[in-house]
């Protein structure tokens, strides 16, 4: 179903999150290096109801490596992969999700024009 991207990661303990859905199918999720010759993490899942699920796949690297995410479908029913994300196991992932509206302070314009002063500070224009 999917393979790639190839990402260079440092040594460490990781968790990849595969977001997928399907009906009546089995999907093998893998994290590999060396073109699939070295499998660092594997989970097999049966998809039944068509709802999205997020499946964690733990893996570790002893040395820096070009990793690849793979999702292999058994050809029965149907299945779709929406996304794959990875982070160090100690970090929360997927991280918290914020609606754009809740980030108003980042998106709001200033009420009055400003310019950069000689010392690099914002000043009223």
N, C-alpha and C. Protein backbone atom coordinates (compact mmCIF):
# COMPACT_ATOMS: atom_id res chain seq x y z
N UNK A 1 0.82 -1.19 0.00
CA UNK A 1 0.00 0.00 0.00
C UNK A 1 0.86 1.25 0.00
N UNK A 2 1.87 1.27 0.87
CA UNK A 2 2.72 2.45 0.93
C UNK A 2 4.12 2.06 1.37
N UNK A 3 5.09 2.84 0.96
CA UNK A 3 6.45 2.68 1.44
C UNK A 3 7.14 4.03 1.35
N UNK A 4 8.12 4.24 2.23
CA UNK A 4 8.80 5.52 2.29
C UNK A 4 8.16 6.37 3.37
N UNK A 5 8.52 7.60 3.54
CA UNK A 5 9.70 8.20 2.97
C UNK A 5 10.95 7.66 3.67
N UNK A 6 12.08 7.95 3.12
CA UNK A 6 13.35 7.55 3.72
C UNK A 6 13.83 8.70 4.57
N UNK A 7 13.95 8.48 5.88
CA UNK A 7 14.35 9.53 6.81
C UNK A 7 15.55 9.07 7.61
N UNK A 8 16.55 9.93 7.69
CA UNK A 8 17.74 9.63 8.49
C UNK A 8 17.44 9.97 9.94
N UNK A 9 17.52 8.97 10.81
CA UNK A 9 17.27 9.18 12.24
C UNK A 9 18.50 8.79 13.04
N UNK A 10 18.73 9.48 14.17
CA UNK A 10 19.85 9.10 15.05
C UNK A 10 19.49 7.85 15.85
N UNK A 11 20.48 7.26 16.52
CA UNK A 11 20.18 6.09 17.35
C UNK A 11 19.18 6.45 18.44
N UNK A 12 18.38 5.49 18.84
CA UNK A 12 17.43 5.72 19.93
C UNK A 12 16.23 4.81 19.87
N UNK A 13 15.35 4.99 20.84
CA UNK A 13 14.09 4.25 20.93
C UNK A 13 12.99 5.13 20.35
N UNK A 14 12.18 4.58 19.46
CA UNK A 14 11.16 5.35 18.74
C UNK A 14 9.80 4.65 18.79
N UNK A 15 8.79 5.42 18.42
CA UNK A 15 7.45 4.89 18.19
C UNK A 15 6.91 5.58 16.94
N UNK A 16 6.46 4.78 15.99
CA UNK A 16 5.81 5.31 14.78
C UNK A 16 4.30 5.09 14.95
N UNK A 17 3.53 6.06 14.53
CA UNK A 17 2.06 5.96 14.58
C UNK A 17 1.54 5.90 13.15
N UNK A 18 0.90 4.80 12.80
CA UNK A 18 0.26 4.64 11.50
C UNK A 18 -1.23 4.92 11.69
N UNK A 19 -1.79 5.80 10.89
CA UNK A 19 -3.23 6.09 10.93
C UNK A 19 -3.83 5.48 9.66
N UNK A 20 -4.74 4.52 9.84
CA UNK A 20 -5.29 3.81 8.69
C UNK A 20 -6.69 3.34 8.98
N UNK A 21 -7.36 2.89 7.92
CA UNK A 21 -8.71 2.33 8.06
C UNK A 21 -8.91 1.29 6.96
N UNK A 22 -9.94 0.47 7.14
CA UNK A 22 -10.24 -0.55 6.14
C UNK A 22 -11.34 -1.47 6.61
N UNK A 23 -11.74 -2.36 5.72
CA UNK A 23 -12.78 -3.35 6.02
C UNK A 23 -12.35 -4.69 5.46
N UNK A 24 -12.38 -5.72 6.32
CA UNK A 24 -12.12 -7.09 5.88
C UNK A 24 -10.72 -7.33 5.35
N UNK A 25 -9.73 -6.67 5.94
CA UNK A 25 -8.37 -6.84 5.43
C UNK A 25 -7.36 -6.90 6.57
N UNK A 26 -6.23 -7.48 6.28
CA UNK A 26 -5.10 -7.51 7.20
C UNK A 26 -4.01 -6.63 6.61
N UNK A 27 -3.39 -5.83 7.47
CA UNK A 27 -2.32 -4.94 7.04
C UNK A 27 -1.11 -5.18 7.96
N UNK A 28 0.04 -5.34 7.35
CA UNK A 28 1.30 -5.45 8.09
C UNK A 28 1.98 -4.09 8.05
N UNK A 29 2.29 -3.55 9.22
CA UNK A 29 2.95 -2.26 9.35
C UNK A 29 4.39 -2.51 9.79
N UNK A 30 5.33 -1.88 9.10
CA UNK A 30 6.74 -2.12 9.37
C UNK A 30 7.55 -0.83 9.34
N UNK A 31 8.61 -0.83 10.13
CA UNK A 31 9.66 0.18 10.05
C UNK A 31 10.92 -0.59 9.71
N UNK A 32 11.54 -0.23 8.57
CA UNK A 32 12.68 -1.01 8.06
C UNK A 32 13.84 -0.09 7.68
N UNK A 33 15.00 -0.70 7.51
CA UNK A 33 16.17 -0.04 6.93
C UNK A 33 16.75 -0.98 5.89
N UNK A 34 17.75 -0.47 5.16
CA UNK A 34 18.47 -1.25 4.15
C UNK A 34 17.52 -1.87 3.12
N UNK A 35 16.56 -1.08 2.65
CA UNK A 35 15.66 -1.54 1.60
C UNK A 35 14.75 -2.67 2.03
N UNK A 36 14.46 -2.77 3.33
CA UNK A 36 13.59 -3.82 3.82
C UNK A 36 14.32 -5.05 4.33
N UNK A 37 15.63 -5.07 4.20
CA UNK A 37 16.40 -6.25 4.66
C UNK A 37 16.53 -6.28 6.18
N UNK A 38 16.39 -5.13 6.86
CA UNK A 38 16.45 -5.09 8.32
C UNK A 38 15.13 -4.52 8.84
N UNK A 39 14.34 -5.35 9.52
CA UNK A 39 13.04 -4.94 10.07
C UNK A 39 13.26 -4.56 11.53
N UNK A 40 12.93 -3.29 11.86
CA UNK A 40 13.14 -2.79 13.22
C UNK A 40 11.86 -2.78 14.04
N UNK A 41 10.71 -2.79 13.39
CA UNK A 41 9.43 -2.81 14.08
C UNK A 41 8.36 -3.38 13.16
N UNK A 42 7.45 -4.17 13.73
CA UNK A 42 6.39 -4.80 12.92
C UNK A 42 5.15 -5.00 13.77
N UNK A 43 3.99 -4.68 13.18
CA UNK A 43 2.69 -4.96 13.80
C UNK A 43 1.75 -5.39 12.68
N UNK A 44 1.00 -6.47 12.93
CA UNK A 44 -0.03 -6.91 11.99
C UNK A 44 -1.39 -6.56 12.61
N UNK A 45 -2.29 -6.02 11.80
CA UNK A 45 -3.59 -5.61 12.31
C UNK A 45 -4.68 -6.05 11.32
N UNK A 46 -5.83 -6.45 11.87
CA UNK A 46 -6.98 -6.77 11.05
C UNK A 46 -7.93 -5.59 11.11
N UNK A 47 -8.30 -5.06 9.96
CA UNK A 47 -9.21 -3.91 9.88
C UNK A 47 -10.60 -4.43 9.56
N UNK A 48 -11.59 -4.02 10.35
CA UNK A 48 -12.92 -4.60 10.21
C UNK A 48 -14.03 -3.61 9.90
N UNK A 49 -14.02 -2.43 10.53
CA UNK A 49 -15.23 -1.60 10.48
C UNK A 49 -15.13 -0.30 9.68
N UNK A 50 -14.02 -0.03 9.04
CA UNK A 50 -13.88 1.17 8.21
C UNK A 50 -13.58 2.43 8.99
N UNK A 51 -13.43 2.34 10.31
CA UNK A 51 -13.12 3.53 11.12
C UNK A 51 -11.60 3.69 11.20
N UNK A 52 -11.15 4.95 11.29
CA UNK A 52 -9.72 5.21 11.44
C UNK A 52 -9.22 4.66 12.77
N UNK A 53 -8.03 4.07 12.74
CA UNK A 53 -7.34 3.63 13.95
C UNK A 53 -5.91 4.14 13.87
N UNK A 54 -5.33 4.42 15.03
CA UNK A 54 -3.93 4.81 15.10
C UNK A 54 -3.19 3.67 15.77
N UNK A 55 -2.24 3.11 15.06
CA UNK A 55 -1.53 1.92 15.52
C UNK A 55 -0.07 2.28 15.79
N UNK A 56 0.38 2.10 17.04
CA UNK A 56 1.80 2.37 17.35
C UNK A 56 2.68 1.18 16.96
N UNK A 57 3.84 1.50 16.41
CA UNK A 57 4.84 0.49 16.09
C UNK A 57 6.15 0.95 16.74
N UNK A 58 6.59 0.22 17.76
CA UNK A 58 7.83 0.57 18.45
C UNK A 58 9.02 0.03 17.67
N UNK A 59 10.11 0.81 17.67
CA UNK A 59 11.33 0.35 17.02
C UNK A 59 12.53 1.06 17.64
N UNK A 60 13.70 0.49 17.44
CA UNK A 60 14.91 1.12 17.96
C UNK A 60 16.01 1.03 16.91
N UNK A 61 16.91 2.00 16.99
CA UNK A 61 18.07 2.04 16.10
C UNK A 61 19.32 2.07 16.96
N UNK A 62 20.26 1.20 16.66
CA UNK A 62 21.54 1.16 17.39
C UNK A 62 22.54 2.16 16.81
N UNK A 63 22.35 2.52 15.54
CA UNK A 63 23.22 3.48 14.85
C UNK A 63 22.33 4.34 13.95
N UNK A 64 22.82 5.50 13.51
CA UNK A 64 22.02 6.30 12.58
C UNK A 64 21.60 5.46 11.38
N UNK A 65 20.39 5.69 10.90
CA UNK A 65 19.92 4.90 9.76
C UNK A 65 18.83 5.59 8.97
N UNK A 66 18.76 5.24 7.68
CA UNK A 66 17.69 5.70 6.79
C UNK A 66 16.51 4.76 7.00
N UNK A 67 15.48 5.22 7.72
CA UNK A 67 14.34 4.35 7.95
C UNK A 67 13.29 4.55 6.88
N UNK A 68 12.45 3.55 6.75
CA UNK A 68 11.34 3.57 5.79
C UNK A 68 10.13 2.98 6.49
N UNK A 69 8.97 3.61 6.29
CA UNK A 69 7.71 3.09 6.82
C UNK A 69 7.03 2.30 5.70
N UNK A 70 6.49 1.13 6.05
CA UNK A 70 5.81 0.30 5.04
C UNK A 70 4.48 -0.18 5.59
N UNK A 71 3.48 -0.20 4.72
CA UNK A 71 2.18 -0.79 5.02
C UNK A 71 1.85 -1.74 3.88
N UNK A 72 1.70 -3.01 4.21
CA UNK A 72 1.44 -4.04 3.20
C UNK A 72 0.05 -4.62 3.44
N UNK A 73 -0.77 -4.61 2.41
CA UNK A 73 -2.17 -5.03 2.45
C UNK A 73 -2.28 -6.44 1.90
N UNK A 74 -3.16 -7.27 2.48
CA UNK A 74 -3.29 -8.66 2.04
C UNK A 74 -4.12 -8.84 0.77
N UNK A 75 -4.70 -7.76 0.24
CA UNK A 75 -5.46 -7.84 -1.00
C UNK A 75 -6.94 -8.16 -0.82
N UNK A 76 -7.37 -8.40 0.40
CA UNK A 76 -8.78 -8.68 0.68
C UNK A 76 -9.45 -7.40 1.17
N UNK A 77 -10.75 -7.27 0.94
CA UNK A 77 -11.47 -6.09 1.39
C UNK A 77 -10.82 -4.83 0.84
N UNK A 78 -10.72 -3.81 1.67
CA UNK A 78 -10.02 -2.59 1.26
C UNK A 78 -9.32 -1.99 2.48
N UNK A 79 -8.32 -1.19 2.22
CA UNK A 79 -7.57 -0.52 3.28
C UNK A 79 -6.95 0.76 2.73
N UNK A 80 -6.75 1.74 3.62
CA UNK A 80 -6.15 3.01 3.23
C UNK A 80 -5.30 3.54 4.38
N UNK A 81 -4.13 4.07 4.06
CA UNK A 81 -3.25 4.69 5.06
C UNK A 81 -3.38 6.19 4.91
N UNK A 82 -3.65 6.86 6.02
CA UNK A 82 -3.82 8.32 6.00
C UNK A 82 -2.50 9.03 6.30
N UNK A 83 -1.78 8.56 7.32
CA UNK A 83 -0.53 9.23 7.68
C UNK A 83 0.35 8.31 8.53
N UNK A 84 1.62 8.69 8.60
CA UNK A 84 2.59 8.01 9.48
C UNK A 84 3.44 9.11 10.11
N UNK A 85 3.63 9.02 11.42
CA UNK A 85 4.48 9.97 12.14
C UNK A 85 5.32 9.19 13.13
N UNK A 86 6.53 9.66 13.40
CA UNK A 86 7.41 8.98 14.35
C UNK A 86 8.08 10.00 15.25
N UNK A 87 8.36 9.56 16.48
CA UNK A 87 9.06 10.40 17.45
C UNK A 87 9.78 9.49 18.43
N UNK A 88 10.70 10.08 19.20
CA UNK A 88 11.34 9.33 20.27
C UNK A 88 10.27 8.80 21.21
N UNK A 89 10.47 7.62 21.74
CA UNK A 89 9.48 6.99 22.63
C UNK A 89 9.17 7.87 23.83
N UNK A 90 10.14 8.61 24.34
CA UNK A 90 9.93 9.45 25.52
C UNK A 90 9.05 10.66 25.23
N UNK A 91 8.87 11.02 23.96
CA UNK A 91 8.05 12.17 23.61
C UNK A 91 6.62 11.74 23.34
N UNK A 92 5.67 12.61 23.62
CA UNK A 92 4.28 12.34 23.30
C UNK A 92 4.10 12.45 21.80
N UNK A 93 3.52 11.44 21.20
CA UNK A 93 3.24 11.51 19.77
C UNK A 93 2.12 10.56 19.47
N UNK A 94 1.10 10.92 18.76
CA UNK A 94 1.02 12.25 18.17
C UNK A 94 0.86 13.32 19.24
N UNK A 95 1.52 14.43 19.04
CA UNK A 95 1.48 15.52 19.99
C UNK A 95 0.10 16.14 20.06
N UNK A 96 -0.12 17.04 21.01
CA UNK A 96 -1.42 17.69 21.12
C UNK A 96 -1.78 18.42 19.83
N UNK A 97 -3.04 18.41 19.51
CA UNK A 97 -3.52 19.09 18.30
C UNK A 97 -4.26 20.35 18.73
N UNK A 98 -3.94 21.45 18.08
CA UNK A 98 -4.59 22.72 18.39
C UNK A 98 -5.36 23.19 17.17
N UNK A 99 -6.58 23.61 17.39
CA UNK A 99 -7.35 24.22 16.31
C UNK A 99 -6.72 25.56 15.96
N UNK A 100 -6.74 25.93 14.71
CA UNK A 100 -6.15 27.20 14.27
C UNK A 100 -6.76 28.35 15.06
N UNK A 101 -8.06 28.29 15.33
CA UNK A 101 -8.73 29.39 16.03
C UNK A 101 -8.16 29.59 17.43
N UNK A 102 -7.64 28.54 18.06
CA UNK A 102 -7.11 28.68 19.42
C UNK A 102 -5.74 29.35 19.42
N UNK A 103 -5.14 29.53 18.27
CA UNK A 103 -3.83 30.17 18.16
C UNK A 103 -3.96 31.62 17.71
N UNK A 104 -5.01 32.27 18.12
CA UNK A 104 -5.28 33.64 17.69
C UNK A 104 -4.14 34.60 17.92
N UNK A 105 -3.42 34.42 19.02
CA UNK A 105 -2.30 35.33 19.30
C UNK A 105 -1.20 35.21 18.24
N UNK A 106 -1.09 34.08 17.61
CA UNK A 106 -0.08 33.90 16.56
C UNK A 106 -0.53 34.50 15.23
N UNK A 107 -1.83 34.55 15.03
CA UNK A 107 -2.36 34.97 13.74
C UNK A 107 -2.86 36.41 13.72
N UNK A 108 -3.05 36.98 14.88
CA UNK A 108 -3.64 38.32 14.94
C UNK A 108 -2.64 39.38 14.50
N UNK A 109 -3.15 40.37 13.78
CA UNK A 109 -2.32 41.52 13.41
C UNK A 109 -2.29 42.50 14.57
N UNK A 110 -1.38 43.42 14.54
CA UNK A 110 -1.32 44.42 15.61
C UNK A 110 -2.31 45.53 15.32
N UNK A 111 -2.79 46.14 16.38
CA UNK A 111 -3.78 47.20 16.24
C UNK A 111 -3.17 48.46 15.64
N UNK A 112 -1.90 48.69 15.85
CA UNK A 112 -1.25 49.87 15.30
C UNK A 112 0.04 49.45 14.60
N UNK A 113 0.42 50.13 13.56
CA UNK A 113 1.64 49.76 12.84
C UNK A 113 2.86 49.86 13.73
N UNK A 114 3.81 48.94 13.52
CA UNK A 114 5.04 48.95 14.28
C UNK A 114 6.22 48.84 13.33
N UNK A 115 7.39 49.28 13.79
CA UNK A 115 8.60 49.13 13.00
C UNK A 115 9.72 48.70 13.94
N UNK A 116 10.77 48.20 13.37
CA UNK A 116 11.91 47.74 14.14
C UNK A 116 12.80 48.92 14.46
N UNK A 117 13.11 49.12 15.74
CA UNK A 117 13.98 50.21 16.18
C UNK A 117 15.44 49.85 15.99
N UNK A 118 16.32 50.83 16.35
CA UNK A 118 17.76 50.64 16.17
C UNK A 118 18.30 49.46 16.97
N UNK A 119 17.73 49.17 18.09
CA UNK A 119 18.21 48.09 18.96
C UNK A 119 17.48 46.77 18.69
N UNK A 120 16.75 46.68 17.60
CA UNK A 120 16.08 45.45 17.25
C UNK A 120 14.76 45.22 17.98
N UNK A 121 14.21 46.25 18.61
CA UNK A 121 12.95 46.10 19.33
C UNK A 121 11.84 46.75 18.50
N UNK A 122 10.62 46.17 18.63
CA UNK A 122 9.48 46.76 17.94
C UNK A 122 9.07 48.06 18.60
N UNK A 123 8.78 49.07 17.77
CA UNK A 123 8.33 50.36 18.25
C UNK A 123 7.12 50.77 17.45
N UNK A 124 6.27 51.62 18.03
CA UNK A 124 5.14 52.17 17.27
C UNK A 124 5.68 53.01 16.13
N UNK A 125 5.02 52.92 15.00
CA UNK A 125 5.47 53.68 13.82
C UNK A 125 4.99 55.11 13.89
